[in-house]
């Protein structure tokens, strides 16, 4: 057997002084690949978007706690940290860990310098660890104009200026802008506010950063802003409704749209969150586990996603026993950091980066006979040149493939265990006809990836 080599952060963890100003050098720029399907650095190096959900990072953690959190996520192989400038709750009247508010009297034209200096510090630490911050300028409630969640702070009069403030402040920082913040666009006025905020960001950061949109779940950014000239890639929220909810169909929907834009699931089922939220009538003790997390990740990626997002019920809100728990959080966040799903997301990235993942395309024709619906639904990806393929069986159910779709005289066959990140070579032989593969184990929690690749002659 072979374990895929463990990745290290792009820059070694070092202690640095408290942030004292703008970043000295611009962060490596990200861009969309020429295929319109994946992301890369401007030098052409592929970028695998593997995010952790840390919505309240800026709002609840001290600098020492942020150091601990970021180092943990970098060590596990995450590349992006999704966090909200304004925090999730408190109507902008709840201060951060140091008693500072984002704005004076809820007025975006009066940003709190101390509050943003704290964000500066965290962004700087992320950069030193090779991480990008998926920064949400606002949670959706603060730009929402209609509905029960409406509490507008950002309007057509101030949205652009706020975008310009953030764009200028973080022009050279490792940022991916994420507009939206768990809300759909439901009126022309709301679309205008979002467009203006995006215009402000681009005007002041010089277009240095990619921009996407985080919708309310279940939802898709493509339903609202796919054709927006500021949207670089789409984001879906498959959300937390049920076990075996097929988030791959969201990715397939976006993949079929034109013009082609990368897409990913920015909020799938979180590890240890209550399934469906118990107040809706579900069993309050039924919680998503690491298998649910893996299944969502591989289903999305096998449908053509450019990356994936992980979340944990306690980590996104940085819950501790002295705080009110949202959606039944019950594990202190520092303990939850090392729940199994977080490690397994690193194995996802390692598998995809072990081969040329930006050349992969969904290939249902590779499968001759396989489960097409339900919790055992099998999906396949194949490199454009036919040099390798991945097949994911979520329940370890058998499937049959057309081996001739691998462009090789001889093919190496390998089982990959998503639980431990280990490869088990099966066989290397002539490439012809059809073959049925039976994963080593089966049943819930026994998911497997088959790797087929061209063997050297």
Protein backbone atom coordinates (compact mmCIF):
# COMPACT_ATOMS: atom_id res chain seq x y z
CA UNK A 1 0.00 0.00 0.00
CA UNK A 2 1.03 3.61 -0.52
CA UNK A 3 0.09 6.66 1.50
CA UNK A 4 -0.15 9.83 -0.53
CA UNK A 5 2.62 12.14 0.78
CA UNK A 6 1.57 14.52 3.48
CA UNK A 7 1.47 18.15 2.38
CA UNK A 8 3.01 20.92 4.38
CA UNK A 9 1.85 24.53 4.47
CA UNK A 10 3.31 26.68 1.71
CA UNK A 11 5.23 28.66 4.33
CA UNK A 12 6.48 27.19 7.60
CA UNK A 13 4.72 28.24 10.80
CA UNK A 14 6.62 31.02 12.49
CA UNK A 15 5.86 33.46 15.25
CA UNK A 16 5.34 36.98 13.97
CA UNK A 17 4.77 40.28 15.74
CA UNK A 18 1.37 41.89 16.01
CA UNK A 19 0.28 43.26 12.65
CA UNK A 20 1.40 46.84 12.23
CA UNK A 21 0.40 47.86 8.72
CA UNK A 22 -0.21 46.86 5.13
CA UNK A 23 1.25 43.64 3.80
CA UNK A 24 4.69 44.29 2.36
CA UNK A 25 4.32 42.13 -0.77
CA UNK A 26 1.21 41.25 -2.78
CA UNK A 27 -0.17 37.75 -2.20
CA UNK A 28 0.05 35.32 -5.13
CA UNK A 29 -2.83 36.12 -7.47
CA UNK A 30 -5.46 33.53 -8.28
CA UNK A 31 -7.26 33.22 -11.61
CA UNK A 32 -9.61 30.93 -13.53
CA UNK A 33 -8.04 28.33 -15.81
CA UNK A 34 -8.51 28.64 -19.57
CA UNK A 35 -11.03 25.78 -19.46
CA UNK A 36 -13.26 27.83 -17.17
CA UNK A 37 -13.50 24.87 -14.77
CA UNK A 38 -10.77 25.24 -12.16
CA UNK A 39 -8.62 27.81 -10.34
CA UNK A 40 -4.90 28.40 -10.57
CA UNK A 41 -2.14 30.78 -9.49
CA UNK A 42 -1.21 33.35 -12.10
CA UNK A 43 1.96 31.35 -12.82
CA UNK A 44 -0.22 28.44 -13.92
CA UNK A 45 0.13 26.30 -10.77
CA UNK A 46 -3.22 24.60 -10.02
CA UNK A 47 -5.07 25.79 -6.92
CA UNK A 48 -7.32 23.36 -5.07
CA UNK A 49 -9.95 25.32 -3.15
CA UNK A 50 -10.30 23.45 0.15
CA UNK A 51 -12.06 25.71 2.62
CA UNK A 52 -12.97 25.54 6.27
CA UNK A 53 -16.05 27.41 7.47
CA UNK A 54 -15.03 29.88 10.16
CA UNK A 55 -17.77 32.48 9.91
CA UNK A 56 -17.11 34.05 13.35
CA UNK A 57 -13.30 33.95 13.16
CA UNK A 58 -12.82 37.73 13.15
CA UNK A 59 -15.56 38.39 15.65
CA UNK A 60 -15.03 35.86 18.44
CA UNK A 61 -11.37 34.85 18.62
CA UNK A 62 -8.46 36.57 20.28
CA UNK A 63 -5.21 36.78 18.32
CA UNK A 64 -3.75 33.87 20.26
CA UNK A 65 -6.83 31.76 19.53
CA UNK A 66 -6.74 32.74 15.87
CA UNK A 67 -3.08 31.65 15.72
CA UNK A 68 -4.04 28.23 17.09
CA UNK A 69 -6.98 27.83 14.72
CA UNK A 70 -5.12 28.89 11.56
CA UNK A 71 -2.09 26.70 12.32
CA UNK A 72 -4.39 23.71 12.83
CA UNK A 73 -6.16 24.24 9.49
CA UNK A 74 -2.94 24.83 7.55
CA UNK A 75 -1.47 21.63 9.00
CA UNK A 76 -4.51 19.66 7.83
CA UNK A 77 -4.14 20.92 4.27
CA UNK A 78 -6.87 23.54 4.01
CA UNK A 79 -6.16 26.33 1.54
CA UNK A 80 -9.03 28.77 2.23
CA UNK A 81 -10.69 30.03 5.42
CA UNK A 82 -14.21 31.43 4.97
CA UNK A 83 -14.97 34.21 7.49
CA UNK A 84 -17.38 37.15 7.78
CA UNK A 85 -16.23 40.70 8.48
CA UNK A 86 -19.39 41.65 10.38
CA UNK A 87 -19.98 38.47 12.39
CA UNK A 88 -23.21 36.46 12.30
CA UNK A 89 -25.33 37.95 15.05
CA UNK A 90 -25.71 40.81 17.48
CA UNK A 91 -27.06 43.39 15.00
CA UNK A 92 -23.54 44.87 14.78
CA UNK A 93 -23.76 45.77 18.47
CA UNK A 94 -21.88 42.74 19.77
CA UNK A 95 -18.15 43.58 20.04
CA UNK A 96 -15.26 41.34 19.09
CA UNK A 97 -12.96 39.65 21.62
CA UNK A 98 -11.33 43.01 22.40
CA UNK A 99 -14.53 45.02 22.81
CA UNK A 100 -14.37 46.65 19.37
CA UNK A 101 -17.26 47.11 16.91
CA UNK A 102 -17.00 47.01 13.10
CA UNK A 103 -18.83 50.35 12.70
CA UNK A 104 -19.81 53.28 14.85
CA UNK A 105 -23.60 53.35 15.27
CA UNK A 106 -24.03 50.69 12.53
CA UNK A 107 -22.71 53.18 9.99
CA UNK A 108 -20.43 51.59 7.33
CA UNK A 109 -18.97 55.01 6.54
CA UNK A 110 -17.48 54.99 10.06
CA UNK A 111 -15.46 51.74 10.28
CA UNK A 112 -13.83 50.93 13.59
CA UNK A 113 -10.08 51.05 13.04
CA UNK A 114 -9.28 48.78 16.00
CA UNK A 115 -11.78 46.18 14.77
CA UNK A 116 -10.20 46.11 11.31
CA UNK A 117 -6.68 46.05 12.71
CA UNK A 118 -7.65 42.77 14.38
CA UNK A 119 -8.82 41.45 11.00
CA UNK A 120 -5.55 42.70 9.47
CA UNK A 121 -3.62 40.60 11.97
CA UNK A 122 -5.56 37.43 11.19
CA UNK A 123 -5.23 37.96 7.44
CA UNK A 124 -1.50 38.46 7.85
CA UNK A 125 -1.16 35.26 9.89
CA UNK A 126 -3.14 33.37 7.27
CA UNK A 127 -0.75 34.60 4.61
CA UNK A 128 2.27 33.39 6.57
CA UNK A 129 0.70 29.93 6.67
CA UNK A 130 -0.04 29.84 2.94
CA UNK A 131 -3.79 30.30 3.48
CA UNK A 132 -6.27 32.49 1.62
CA UNK A 133 -9.16 34.18 3.43
CA UNK A 134 -12.53 33.77 1.77
CA UNK A 135 -13.74 37.10 3.11
CA UNK A 136 -17.45 37.91 3.27
CA UNK A 137 -17.82 41.71 3.49
CA UNK A 138 -21.15 41.25 5.27
CA UNK A 139 -23.54 38.61 6.47
CA UNK A 140 -26.66 38.69 4.34
CA UNK A 141 -28.97 40.13 6.97
CA UNK A 142 -27.17 43.46 6.78
CA UNK A 143 -27.89 44.10 3.09
CA UNK A 144 -31.23 42.29 2.91
CA UNK A 145 -33.99 44.68 1.91
CA UNK A 146 -37.07 42.43 2.08
CA UNK A 147 -38.38 39.57 4.22
CA UNK A 148 -38.24 38.68 7.90
CA UNK A 149 -34.43 38.77 8.01
CA UNK A 150 -34.18 42.27 6.59
CA UNK A 151 -31.99 44.57 8.69
CA UNK A 152 -30.32 46.70 6.01
CA UNK A 153 -27.14 48.50 6.88
CA UNK A 154 -25.75 48.43 3.36
CA UNK A 155 -27.80 50.29 0.76
CA UNK A 156 -27.40 51.65 -2.75
CA UNK A 157 -26.01 54.81 -1.16
CA UNK A 158 -23.14 53.20 0.78
CA UNK A 159 -22.47 49.71 -0.66
CA UNK A 160 -19.91 50.86 -3.23
CA UNK A 161 -18.00 53.00 -0.73
CA UNK A 162 -17.79 50.05 1.68
CA UNK A 163 -16.53 47.82 -1.11
CA UNK A 164 -13.89 50.42 -1.97
CA UNK A 165 -12.81 50.58 1.68
CA UNK A 166 -12.26 46.82 1.83
CA UNK A 167 -10.73 46.64 -1.63
CA UNK A 168 -8.17 49.31 -0.79
CA UNK A 169 -7.37 47.91 2.65
CA UNK A 170 -6.81 44.34 1.41
CA UNK A 171 -5.52 45.02 -2.09
CA UNK A 172 -2.33 43.02 -1.53
CA UNK A 173 -3.73 40.45 0.92
CA UNK A 174 -4.49 36.74 0.29
CA UNK A 175 -8.21 37.30 -0.22
CA UNK A 176 -11.07 35.71 -2.16
CA UNK A 177 -14.17 37.91 -1.94
CA UNK A 178 -17.43 36.12 -1.12
CA UNK A 179 -20.54 38.27 -1.45
CA UNK A 180 -24.00 37.18 -0.35
CA UNK A 181 -23.68 35.76 3.14
CA UNK A 182 -26.47 33.17 3.28
CA UNK A 183 -29.13 35.17 1.47
CA UNK A 184 -30.78 35.07 -1.93
CA UNK A 185 -31.29 38.14 -4.11
CA UNK A 186 -35.04 38.79 -4.24
CA UNK A 187 -35.41 42.26 -5.72
CA UNK A 188 -33.81 44.67 -8.15
CA UNK A 189 -32.80 46.83 -5.21
CA UNK A 190 -30.92 43.96 -3.56
CA UNK A 191 -29.18 43.11 -6.84
CA UNK A 192 -28.15 46.75 -7.16
CA UNK A 193 -26.61 46.72 -3.65
CA UNK A 194 -24.62 43.56 -4.40
CA UNK A 195 -23.47 44.87 -7.78
CA UNK A 196 -22.33 48.12 -6.18
CA UNK A 197 -20.39 46.36 -3.44
CA UNK A 198 -18.67 44.21 -6.07
CA UNK A 199 -17.88 47.28 -8.17
CA UNK A 200 -16.29 48.95 -5.15
CA UNK A 201 -14.13 45.92 -4.40
CA UNK A 202 -12.87 45.68 -7.98
CA UNK A 203 -12.29 49.42 -8.28
CA UNK A 204 -9.94 49.54 -5.30
CA UNK A 205 -8.21 46.15 -5.35
CA UNK A 206 -7.45 46.54 -9.05
CA UNK A 207 -9.16 43.24 -9.83
CA UNK A 208 -6.48 41.41 -7.84
CA UNK A 209 -8.91 39.01 -6.18
CA UNK A 210 -11.48 36.50 -7.35
CA UNK A 211 -15.12 37.13 -6.42
CA UNK A 212 -17.94 34.65 -5.79
CA UNK A 213 -21.34 34.63 -4.05
CA UNK A 214 -22.53 32.54 -1.08
CA UNK A 215 -26.29 31.90 -1.43
CA UNK A 216 -28.84 30.81 1.13
CA UNK A 217 -29.33 27.05 1.24
CA UNK A 218 -30.44 25.18 -0.60
CA UNK A 219 -29.39 27.53 -3.38
CA UNK A 220 -27.03 28.41 -6.19
CA UNK A 221 -25.25 31.67 -6.98
CA UNK A 222 -25.77 30.87 -10.67
CA UNK A 223 -29.52 31.37 -10.25
CA UNK A 224 -28.93 35.05 -9.49
CA UNK A 225 -25.58 36.31 -10.71
CA UNK A 226 -24.05 33.77 -13.12
CA UNK A 227 -23.86 36.40 -15.89
CA UNK A 228 -22.54 39.18 -13.65
CA UNK A 229 -19.23 40.45 -15.04
CA UNK A 230 -17.77 40.51 -11.50
CA UNK A 231 -18.54 36.83 -10.73
CA UNK A 232 -15.42 34.72 -11.32
CA UNK A 233 -16.77 31.41 -10.04
CA UNK A 234 -20.05 30.03 -8.72
CA UNK A 235 -20.83 28.73 -5.26
CA UNK A 236 -23.71 26.53 -4.14
CA UNK A 237 -25.07 25.83 -0.68
CA UNK A 238 -26.44 22.31 -0.53
CA UNK A 239 -27.07 22.88 3.19
CA UNK A 240 -27.90 20.51 6.05
CA UNK A 241 -31.30 18.96 5.37
CA UNK A 242 -30.74 15.20 5.17
CA UNK A 243 -28.37 12.27 4.98
CA UNK A 244 -27.46 11.29 1.41
CA UNK A 245 -28.69 14.61 -0.01
CA UNK A 246 -27.13 14.60 -3.50
CA UNK A 247 -25.17 17.83 -3.69
CA UNK A 248 -23.63 16.66 -6.96
CA UNK A 249 -26.77 17.74 -8.81
CA UNK A 250 -26.03 21.36 -7.83
CA UNK A 251 -22.58 21.11 -9.38
CA UNK A 252 -23.96 19.42 -12.49
CA UNK A 253 -26.44 22.29 -12.90
CA UNK A 254 -23.66 24.89 -12.79
CA UNK A 255 -21.36 22.79 -14.98
CA UNK A 256 -23.96 22.84 -17.77
CA UNK A 257 -24.26 26.65 -17.76
CA UNK A 258 -22.58 28.97 -20.24
CA UNK A 259 -20.31 30.75 -20.14
CA UNK A 260 -18.31 28.11 -18.28
CA UNK A 261 -17.35 29.14 -14.76
CA UNK A 262 -15.83 27.08 -11.93
CA UNK A 263 -18.21 26.04 -9.17
CA UNK A 264 -18.05 24.44 -5.72
CA UNK A 265 -20.19 23.68 -2.69
CA UNK A 266 -19.54 26.52 -0.25
CA UNK A 267 -21.76 25.12 2.52
CA UNK A 268 -22.58 21.41 2.55
CA UNK A 269 -23.60 19.37 5.58
CA UNK A 270 -21.37 20.22 8.56
CA UNK A 271 -19.79 17.57 10.71
CA UNK A 272 -21.78 17.08 13.95
CA UNK A 273 -24.55 19.51 13.03
CA UNK A 274 -28.08 18.27 13.72
CA UNK A 275 -29.59 16.73 10.61
CA UNK A 276 -32.30 19.04 9.29
CA UNK A 277 -32.15 21.15 12.47
CA UNK A 278 -34.12 19.40 15.21
CA UNK A 279 -36.67 22.20 15.64
CA UNK A 280 -38.11 21.22 12.24
CA UNK A 281 -39.16 17.87 13.68
CA UNK A 282 -36.05 15.78 13.08
CA UNK A 283 -34.36 13.70 15.76
CA UNK A 284 -32.21 16.17 17.70
CA UNK A 285 -29.66 13.41 18.36
CA UNK A 286 -29.17 12.59 14.67
CA UNK A 287 -26.03 14.39 13.58
CA UNK A 288 -23.89 14.31 10.46
CA UNK A 289 -20.65 12.40 10.86
CA UNK A 290 -17.39 12.19 8.95
CA UNK A 291 -18.92 9.84 6.38
CA UNK A 292 -21.61 12.42 5.53
CA UNK A 293 -18.85 14.98 5.10
CA UNK A 294 -16.78 12.73 2.81
CA UNK A 295 -19.76 11.72 0.71
CA UNK A 296 -20.66 15.37 0.06
CA UNK A 297 -17.07 16.23 -0.84
CA UNK A 298 -16.56 13.39 -3.33
CA UNK A 299 -20.02 13.68 -4.87
CA UNK A 300 -19.39 17.38 -5.57
CA UNK A 301 -15.86 16.91 -6.88
CA UNK A 302 -16.83 13.95 -9.04
CA UNK A 303 -19.47 16.19 -10.62
CA UNK A 304 -16.84 18.72 -11.69
CA UNK A 305 -16.41 21.07 -8.71
CA UNK A 306 -13.16 23.05 -8.52
CA UNK A 307 -12.84 22.40 -4.79
CA UNK A 308 -14.94 21.97 -1.69
CA UNK A 309 -15.84 23.44 1.70
CA UNK A 310 -15.87 21.69 5.07
CA UNK A 311 -17.66 22.86 8.18
CA UNK A 312 -18.12 21.77 11.78
CA UNK A 313 -21.12 22.63 13.96
CA UNK A 314 -18.92 24.00 16.75
CA UNK A 315 -16.03 25.47 14.78
CA UNK A 316 -17.91 27.81 12.45
CA UNK A 317 -19.30 29.65 15.51
CA UNK A 318 -16.28 28.95 17.79
CA UNK A 319 -18.58 27.62 20.47
CA UNK A 320 -17.57 27.34 24.11
CA UNK A 321 -19.79 26.24 27.04
CA UNK A 322 -20.28 29.79 28.29
CA UNK A 323 -21.82 30.84 24.95
CA UNK A 324 -25.32 30.20 23.65
CA UNK A 325 -25.16 27.31 21.20
CA UNK A 326 -26.48 27.72 17.68
CA UNK A 327 -28.11 24.63 16.17
CA UNK A 328 -27.22 22.42 19.09
CA UNK A 329 -23.44 22.84 19.19
CA UNK A 330 -22.04 20.84 22.11
CA UNK A 331 -18.31 20.21 21.52
CA UNK A 332 -15.95 23.07 22.50
CA UNK A 333 -14.40 24.35 19.30
CA UNK A 334 -10.81 23.59 20.27
CA UNK A 335 -11.73 19.93 20.72
CA UNK A 336 -13.80 19.88 17.53
CA UNK A 337 -10.83 21.03 15.45
CA UNK A 338 -9.53 17.47 15.35
CA UNK A 339 -12.74 15.62 14.56
CA UNK A 340 -12.13 13.01 11.83
CA UNK A 341 -13.83 14.84 8.95
CA UNK A 342 -11.31 17.66 9.08
CA UNK A 343 -8.41 15.26 8.59
CA UNK A 344 -10.23 13.48 5.78
CA UNK A 345 -10.71 16.70 3.85
CA UNK A 346 -6.94 16.91 3.66
CA UNK A 347 -6.93 13.42 2.14
CA UNK A 348 -9.38 14.65 -0.51
CA UNK A 349 -6.98 17.38 -1.55
CA UNK A 350 -3.99 15.05 -1.50
CA UNK A 351 -5.71 12.58 -3.80
CA UNK A 352 -6.64 15.22 -6.36
CA UNK A 353 -3.25 16.92 -6.26
CA UNK A 354 -1.49 13.57 -6.68
CA UNK A 355 -2.64 13.64 -10.31
CA UNK A 356 -3.36 16.49 -12.75
CA UNK A 357 -6.80 17.34 -11.37
CA UNK A 358 -7.34 20.43 -13.54
CA UNK A 359 -7.52 18.08 -16.54
CA UNK A 360 -10.44 16.13 -15.06
CA UNK A 361 -13.96 16.21 -16.51
CA UNK A 362 -17.08 14.30 -15.40
CA UNK A 363 -17.38 11.12 -17.46
CA UNK A 364 -20.61 9.17 -16.89
CA UNK A 365 -19.83 7.15 -20.05
CA UNK A 366 -16.95 5.52 -18.20
CA UNK A 367 -19.57 3.67 -16.14
CA UNK A 368 -21.28 0.83 -17.98
CA UNK A 369 -23.25 -0.48 -15.03
CA UNK A 370 -23.37 1.26 -11.64
CA UNK A 371 -25.89 2.61 -9.10
CA UNK A 372 -27.33 5.79 -10.61
CA UNK A 373 -29.55 6.97 -7.76
CA UNK A 374 -29.76 6.85 -3.99
CA UNK A 375 -27.05 6.85 -1.32
CA UNK A 376 -24.79 4.53 -3.33
CA UNK A 377 -24.78 6.64 -6.49
CA UNK A 378 -21.45 6.18 -8.30
CA UNK A 379 -19.75 9.01 -10.18
CA UNK A 380 -16.64 9.17 -12.35
CA UNK A 381 -14.05 11.68 -13.55
CA UNK A 382 -11.58 11.16 -16.40
CA UNK A 383 -8.61 13.19 -17.56
CA UNK A 384 -9.20 14.90 -20.90
CA UNK A 385 -6.31 12.98 -22.46
CA UNK A 386 -7.60 9.69 -21.06
CA UNK A 387 -4.46 9.10 -18.98
CA UNK A 388 -6.28 8.44 -15.68
CA UNK A 389 -9.69 8.36 -14.03
CA UNK A 390 -11.31 8.39 -10.58
CA UNK A 391 -14.50 6.47 -9.73
CA UNK A 392 -16.25 7.04 -6.38
CA UNK A 393 -18.53 4.41 -4.81
CA UNK A 394 -20.07 5.95 -1.66
CA UNK A 395 -21.36 2.65 -0.22
CA UNK A 396 -18.75 0.31 -1.63
CA UNK A 397 -21.20 -1.10 -4.18
CA UNK A 398 -19.82 -2.85 -7.30
CA UNK A 399 -19.68 -1.05 -10.64
CA UNK A 400 -18.62 -1.85 -14.20
CA UNK A 401 -16.42 0.41 -16.32
CA UNK A 402 -15.46 0.73 -19.96
CA UNK A 403 -11.69 0.38 -19.69
CA UNK A 404 -11.12 1.52 -23.27
CA UNK A 405 -11.83 5.08 -22.17
CA UNK A 406 -8.38 5.02 -20.58
CA UNK A 407 -5.96 5.83 -23.41
CA UNK A 408 -3.31 3.23 -22.64
CA UNK A 409 -2.19 -0.26 -23.62
CA UNK A 410 -1.76 -1.18 -19.98
CA UNK A 411 -3.61 0.19 -16.95
CA UNK A 412 -2.72 0.34 -13.27
CA UNK A 413 -5.70 -0.24 -10.93
CA UNK A 414 -5.67 1.12 -7.35
CA UNK A 415 -8.18 1.32 -4.49
CA UNK A 416 -8.03 4.55 -2.50
CA UNK A 417 -9.39 4.60 1.06
CA UNK A 418 -10.90 8.07 1.78
CA UNK A 419 -10.93 7.42 5.53
CA UNK A 420 -7.15 7.13 5.87
CA UNK A 421 -5.72 8.50 2.64
CA UNK A 422 -4.12 5.19 1.66
CA UNK A 423 -3.70 3.62 -1.79
CA UNK A 424 -3.94 -0.16 -2.25
CA UNK A 425 -2.64 -1.34 -5.65
CA UNK A 426 -4.85 -4.03 -7.18
CA UNK A 427 -3.42 -5.03 -10.53
CA UNK A 428 -1.58 -3.80 -13.60
CA UNK A 429 -2.57 -5.39 -16.88
CA UNK A 430 -3.67 -5.09 -20.48
CA UNK A 431 -6.39 -2.54 -21.16
CA UNK A 432 -9.38 -3.92 -23.03
CA UNK A 433 -13.12 -4.48 -22.70
CA UNK A 434 -15.25 -4.02 -19.62
CA UNK A 435 -14.43 -4.76 -16.00
CA UNK A 436 -16.50 -5.06 -12.85
CA UNK A 437 -14.86 -3.74 -9.68
CA UNK A 438 -15.96 -4.78 -6.20
CA UNK A 439 -14.68 -2.43 -3.46
CA UNK A 440 -12.93 -4.08 -0.49
CA UNK A 441 -15.80 -3.30 1.95
CA UNK A 442 -19.39 -2.13 1.60
CA UNK A 443 -22.19 -0.44 3.50
CA UNK A 444 -22.63 3.00 5.05
CA UNK A 445 -19.27 4.52 5.87
CA UNK A 446 -17.43 2.24 3.45
CA UNK A 447 -16.77 4.57 0.54
CA UNK A 448 -13.96 3.86 -1.93
CA UNK A 449 -12.28 5.56 -4.89
CA UNK A 450 -10.99 3.50 -7.79
CA UNK A 451 -7.97 5.01 -9.55
CA UNK A 452 -7.29 3.84 -13.13
CA UNK A 453 -4.15 5.22 -14.72
CA UNK A 454 -1.85 4.61 -17.65
CA UNK A 455 0.95 2.22 -16.72
CA UNK A 456 4.46 2.79 -17.94
CA UNK A 457 5.49 0.23 -20.56
